Amino acid sequence: MPEPNEAGSSPELAHMDEVDVHPDVHRATEPDEEQVLRELYGAPDADGIFRGEGA
């Protein structure tokens, strides 16, 4: 059995280059999503990313 971090050990690894590649992946996609993110993580940083720092 391959080790968990061994290259090629998971079918999902073949698709990793397809995940979160859009430059706006961190932006809200639903009308209330930004409000929910603000409630959970506080205000976004200068780049618009909700990092949860100081929330």
PDB file of N, CA and C in Angstrom:
ATOM      1  N   MET A   1       0.848  -1.185   0.000  1.00  0.00           N
ATOM      2  CA  MET A   1       0.000   0.000   0.000  1.00  0.00           C
ATOM      3  C   MET A   1       0.892   1.246   0.000  1.00  0.00           C
ATOM      4  N   PRO A   2       0.615   2.233  -0.872  1.00  0.00           N
ATOM      5  CA  PRO A   2       1.459   3.431  -0.923  1.00  0.00           C
ATOM      6  C   PRO A   2       1.273   4.310   0.311  1.00  0.00           C
ATOM      7  N   GLU A   3       2.310   5.050   0.621  1.00  0.00           N
ATOM      8  CA  GLU A   3       2.241   5.997   1.732  1.00  0.00           C
ATOM      9  C   GLU A   3       1.279   7.133   1.365  1.00  0.00           C
ATOM     10  N   PRO A   4       0.615   7.763   2.346  1.00  0.00           N
ATOM     11  CA  PRO A   4      -0.355   8.824   2.054  1.00  0.00           C
ATOM     12  C   PRO A   4       0.222   9.992   1.251  1.00  0.00           C
ATOM     13  N   ASN A   5       1.464  10.366   1.473  1.00  0.00           N
ATOM     14  CA  ASN A   5       2.047  11.509   0.774  1.00  0.00           C
ATOM     15  C   ASN A   5       2.874  11.111  -0.439  1.00  0.00           C
ATOM     16  N   GLU A   6       2.841   9.860  -0.792  1.00  0.00           N
ATOM     17  CA  GLU A   6       3.606   9.378  -1.933  1.00  0.00           C
ATOM     18  C   GLU A   6       2.957   9.866  -3.226  1.00  0.00           C
ATOM     19  N   ALA A   7       3.763  10.343  -4.159  1.00  0.00           N
ATOM     20  CA  ALA A   7       3.241  10.849  -5.429  1.00  0.00           C
ATOM     21  C   ALA A   7       2.423   9.770  -6.128  1.00  0.00           C
ATOM     22  N   GLY A   8       1.261  10.169  -6.621  1.00  0.00           N
ATOM     23  CA  GLY A   8       0.413   9.244  -7.348  1.00  0.00           C
ATOM     24  C   GLY A   8      -0.372   8.290  -6.481  1.00  0.00           C
ATOM     25  N   SER A   9      -0.403   8.509  -5.184  1.00  0.00           N
ATOM     26  CA  SER A   9      -1.071   7.578  -4.284  1.00  0.00           C
ATOM     27  C   SER A   9      -2.578   7.786  -4.227  1.00  0.00           C
ATOM     28  N   SER A  10      -3.075   8.847  -4.835  1.00  0.00           N
ATOM     29  CA  SER A  10      -4.492   9.141  -4.746  1.00  0.00           C
ATOM     30  C   SER A  10      -5.016   9.630  -6.093  1.00  0.00           C
ATOM     31  N   PRO A  11      -6.180   9.152  -6.514  1.00  0.00           N
ATOM     32  CA  PRO A  11      -6.757   9.635  -7.777  1.00  0.00           C
ATOM     33  C   PRO A  11      -7.036  11.146  -7.751  1.00  0.00           C
ATOM     34  N   GLU A  12      -7.283  11.674  -6.557  1.00  0.00           N
ATOM     35  CA  GLU A  12      -7.559  13.106  -6.436  1.00  0.00           C
ATOM     36  C   GLU A  12      -6.357  13.956  -6.826  1.00  0.00           C
ATOM     37  N   LEU A  13      -5.157  13.431  -6.623  1.00  0.00           N
ATOM     38  CA  LEU A  13      -3.949  14.192  -6.954  1.00  0.00           C
ATOM     39  C   LEU A  13      -3.887  14.571  -8.430  1.00  0.00           C
ATOM     40  N   ALA A  14      -4.476  13.772  -9.272  1.00  0.00           N
ATOM     41  CA  ALA A  14      -4.471  14.066 -10.702  1.00  0.00           C
ATOM     42  C   ALA A  14      -5.254  15.333 -11.020  1.00  0.00           C
ATOM     43  N   HIS A  15      -6.125  15.763 -10.108  1.00  0.00           N
ATOM     44  CA  HIS A  15      -6.978  16.932 -10.345  1.00  0.00           C
ATOM     45  C   HIS A  15      -6.575  18.154  -9.528  1.00  0.00           C
ATOM     46  N   MET A  16      -5.497  18.080  -8.776  1.00  0.00           N
ATOM     47  CA  MET A  16      -5.109  19.190  -7.910  1.00  0.00           C
ATOM     48  C   MET A  16      -4.836  20.476  -8.682  1.00  0.00           C
ATOM     49  N   ASP A  17      -4.361  20.380  -9.917  1.00  0.00           N
ATOM     50  CA  ASP A  17      -4.089  21.586 -10.692  1.00  0.00           C
ATOM     51  C   ASP A  17      -5.371  22.258 -11.157  1.00  0.00           C
ATOM     52  N   GLU A  18      -6.522  21.640 -10.958  1.00  0.00           N
ATOM     53  CA  GLU A  18      -7.813  22.202 -11.350  1.00  0.00           C
ATOM     54  C   GLU A  18      -8.517  22.897 -10.186  1.00  0.00           C
ATOM     55  N   VAL A  19      -7.988  22.772  -8.984  1.00  0.00           N
ATOM     56  CA  VAL A  19      -8.642  23.287  -7.783  1.00  0.00           C
ATOM     57  C   VAL A  19      -8.179  24.710  -7.483  1.00  0.00           C
ATOM     58  N   ASP A  20      -9.133  25.578  -7.228  1.00  0.00           N
ATOM     59  CA  ASP A  20      -8.845  26.957  -6.807  1.00  0.00           C
ATOM     60  C   ASP A  20      -7.873  27.680  -7.734  1.00  0.00           C
ATOM     61  N   VAL A  21      -8.022  27.503  -9.029  1.00  0.00           N
ATOM     62  CA  VAL A  21      -7.118  28.162  -9.961  1.00  0.00           C
ATOM     63  C   VAL A  21      -7.666  29.488 -10.462  1.00  0.00           C
ATOM     64  N   HIS A  22      -8.937  29.742 -10.264  1.00  0.00           N
ATOM     65  CA  HIS A  22      -9.519  31.005 -10.708  1.00  0.00           C
ATOM     66  C   HIS A  22      -9.006  32.131  -9.816  1.00  0.00           C
ATOM     67  N   PRO A  23      -8.602  33.265 -10.406  1.00  0.00           N
ATOM     68  CA  PRO A  23      -8.029  34.349  -9.589  1.00  0.00           C
ATOM     69  C   PRO A  23      -9.011  34.951  -8.582  1.00  0.00           C
ATOM     70  N   ASP A  24     -10.313  34.777  -8.781  1.00  0.00           N
ATOM     71  CA  ASP A  24     -11.311  35.320  -7.854  1.00  0.00           C
ATOM     72  C   ASP A  24     -11.929  34.231  -6.977  1.00  0.00           C
ATOM     73  N   VAL A  25     -11.227  33.115  -6.786  1.00  0.00           N
ATOM     74  CA  VAL A  25     -11.768  31.994  -6.031  1.00  0.00           C
ATOM     75  C   VAL A  25     -12.142  32.387  -4.603  1.00  0.00           C
ATOM     76  N   HIS A  26     -11.489  33.394  -4.047  1.00  0.00           N
ATOM     77  CA  HIS A  26     -11.766  33.805  -2.672  1.00  0.00           C
ATOM     78  C   HIS A  26     -12.924  34.799  -2.567  1.00  0.00           C
ATOM     79  N   ARG A  27     -13.459  35.245  -3.680  1.00  0.00           N
ATOM     80  CA  ARG A  27     -14.556  36.219  -3.664  1.00  0.00           C
ATOM     81  C   ARG A  27     -15.896  35.525  -3.408  1.00  0.00           C
ATOM     82  N   ALA A  28     -16.818  36.257  -2.797  1.00  0.00           N
ATOM     83  CA  ALA A  28     -18.154  35.721  -2.538  1.00  0.00           C
ATOM     84  C   ALA A  28     -18.884  35.467  -3.856  1.00  0.00           C
ATOM     85  N   THR A  29     -19.640  34.371  -3.916  1.00  0.00           N
ATOM     86  CA  THR A  29     -20.382  34.037  -5.129  1.00  0.00           C
ATOM     87  C   THR A  29     -21.890  34.123  -4.930  1.00  0.00           C
ATOM     88  N   GLU A  30     -22.340  34.201  -3.714  1.00  0.00           N
ATOM     89  CA  GLU A  30     -23.762  34.327  -3.410  1.00  0.00           C
ATOM     90  C   GLU A  30     -23.993  35.677  -2.746  1.00  0.00           C
ATOM     91  N   PRO A  31     -25.200  36.246  -2.905  1.00  0.00           N
ATOM     92  CA  PRO A  31     -25.465  37.590  -2.359  1.00  0.00           C
ATOM     93  C   PRO A  31     -25.162  37.740  -0.871  1.00  0.00           C
ATOM     94  N   ASP A  32     -25.478  36.743  -0.056  1.00  0.00           N
ATOM     95  CA  ASP A  32     -25.266  36.860   1.388  1.00  0.00           C
ATOM     96  C   ASP A  32     -23.959  36.224   1.852  1.00  0.00           C
ATOM     97  N   GLU A  33     -23.194  35.659   0.942  1.00  0.00           N
ATOM     98  CA  GLU A  33     -21.977  34.958   1.338  1.00  0.00           C
ATOM     99  C   GLU A  33     -20.971  35.900   2.004  1.00  0.00           C
ATOM    100  N   GLU A  34     -20.821  37.101   1.459  1.00  0.00           N
ATOM    101  CA  GLU A  34     -19.875  38.040   2.059  1.00  0.00           C
ATOM    102  C   GLU A  34     -20.281  38.382   3.489  1.00  0.00           C
ATOM    103  N   GLN A  35     -21.579  38.557   3.739  1.00  0.00           N
ATOM    104  CA  GLN A  35     -22.044  38.861   5.088  1.00  0.00           C
ATOM    105  C   GLN A  35     -21.750  37.702   6.035  1.00  0.00           C
ATOM    106  N   VAL A  36     -21.998  36.492   5.583  1.00  0.00           N
ATOM    107  CA  VAL A  36     -21.728  35.313   6.408  1.00  0.00           C
ATOM    108  C   VAL A  36     -20.229  35.216   6.700  1.00  0.00           C
ATOM    109  N   LEU A  37     -19.399  35.437   5.692  1.00  0.00           N
ATOM    110  CA  LEU A  37     -17.955  35.386   5.900  1.00  0.00           C
ATOM    111  C   LEU A  37     -17.504  36.460   6.881  1.00  0.00           C
ATOM    112  N   ARG A  38     -18.076  37.654   6.787  1.00  0.00           N
ATOM    113  CA  ARG A  38     -17.727  38.741   7.722  1.00  0.00           C
ATOM    114  C   ARG A  38     -18.114  38.359   9.150  1.00  0.00           C
ATOM    115  N   GLU A  39     -19.280  37.733   9.313  1.00  0.00           N
ATOM    116  CA  GLU A  39     -19.717  37.329  10.651  1.00  0.00           C
ATOM    117  C   GLU A  39     -18.796  36.250  11.219  1.00  0.00           C
ATOM    118  N   LEU A  40     -18.336  35.349  10.370  1.00  0.00           N
ATOM    119  CA  LEU A  40     -17.486  34.261  10.829  1.00  0.00           C
ATOM    120  C   LEU A  40     -16.039  34.686  11.051  1.00  0.00           C
ATOM    121  N   TYR A  41     -15.509  35.493  10.113  1.00  0.00           N
ATOM    122  CA  TYR A  41     -14.069  35.746  10.104  1.00  0.00           C
ATOM    123  C   TYR A  41     -13.671  37.206  10.253  1.00  0.00           C
ATOM    124  N   GLY A  42     -14.631  38.113  10.346  1.00  0.00           N
ATOM    125  CA  GLY A  42     -14.302  39.530  10.408  1.00  0.00           C
ATOM    126  C   GLY A  42     -14.092  40.100   9.017  1.00  0.00           C
ATOM    127  N   ALA A  43     -13.618  41.317   8.961  1.00  0.00           N
ATOM    128  CA  ALA A  43     -13.435  42.002   7.673  1.00  0.00           C
ATOM    129  C   ALA A  43     -12.317  41.353   6.861  1.00  0.00           C
ATOM    130  N   PRO A  44     -12.435  41.405   5.536  1.00  0.00           N
ATOM    131  CA  PRO A  44     -11.365  40.865   4.694  1.00  0.00           C
ATOM    132  C   PRO A  44     -10.137  41.763   4.740  1.00  0.00           C
ATOM    133  N   ASP A  45      -8.990  41.202   4.353  1.00  0.00           N
ATOM    134  CA  ASP A  45      -7.765  42.000   4.321  1.00  0.00           C
ATOM    135  C   ASP A  45      -7.734  42.870   3.059  1.00  0.00           C
ATOM    136  N   ALA A  46      -6.639  43.549   2.823  1.00  0.00           N
ATOM    137  CA  ALA A  46      -6.515  44.464   1.685  1.00  0.00           C
ATOM    138  C   ALA A  46      -6.695  43.753   0.348  1.00  0.00           C
ATOM    139  N   ASP A  47      -6.435  42.438   0.304  1.00  0.00           N
ATOM    140  CA  ASP A  47      -6.605  41.671  -0.916  1.00  0.00           C
ATOM    141  C   ASP A  47      -8.024  41.103  -1.057  1.00  0.00           C
ATOM    142  N   GLY A  48      -8.877  41.371  -0.060  1.00  0.00           N
ATOM    143  CA  GLY A  48     -10.240  40.868  -0.090  1.00  0.00           C
ATOM    144  C   GLY A  48     -10.383  39.447   0.405  1.00  0.00           C
ATOM    145  N   ILE A  49      -9.375  38.931   1.094  1.00  0.00           N
ATOM    146  CA  ILE A  49      -9.398  37.554   1.578  1.00  0.00           C
ATOM    147  C   ILE A  49      -9.783  37.540   3.063  1.00  0.00           C
ATOM    148  N   PHE A  50     -10.753  36.691   3.407  1.00  0.00           N
ATOM    149  CA  PHE A  50     -11.194  36.540   4.790  1.00  0.00           C
ATOM    150  C   PHE A  50     -10.258  35.563   5.488  1.00  0.00           C
ATOM    151  N   ARG A  51      -9.334  36.076   6.260  1.00  0.00           N
ATOM    152  CA  ARG A  51      -8.317  35.236   6.900  1.00  0.00           C
ATOM    153  C   ARG A  51      -8.668  34.854   8.333  1.00  0.00           C
ATOM    154  N   GLY A  52      -9.660  35.489   8.915  1.00  0.00           N
ATOM    155  CA  GLY A  52     -10.063  35.142  10.273  1.00  0.00           C
ATOM    156  C   GLY A  52      -9.126  35.695  11.329  1.00  0.00           C
ATOM    157  N   GLU A  53      -8.306  36.644  10.981  1.00  0.00           N
ATOM    158  CA  GLU A  53      -7.360  37.239  11.934  1.00  0.00           C
ATOM    159  C   GLU A  53      -8.048  38.385  12.659  1.00  0.00           C
ATOM    160  N   GLY A  54      -8.042  38.335  13.950  1.00  0.00           N
ATOM    161  CA  GLY A  54      -8.610  39.418  14.748  1.00  0.00           C
ATOM    162  C   GLY A  54     -10.117  39.416  14.782  1.00  0.00           C
ATOM    163  N   ALA A  55     -10.737  38.316  14.413  1.00  0.00           N
ATOM    164  CA  ALA A  55     -12.212  38.250  14.422  1.00  0.00           C
ATOM    165  C   ALA A  55     -12.716  38.004  15.817  1.00  0.00           C
TER     166      ALA A  55
END
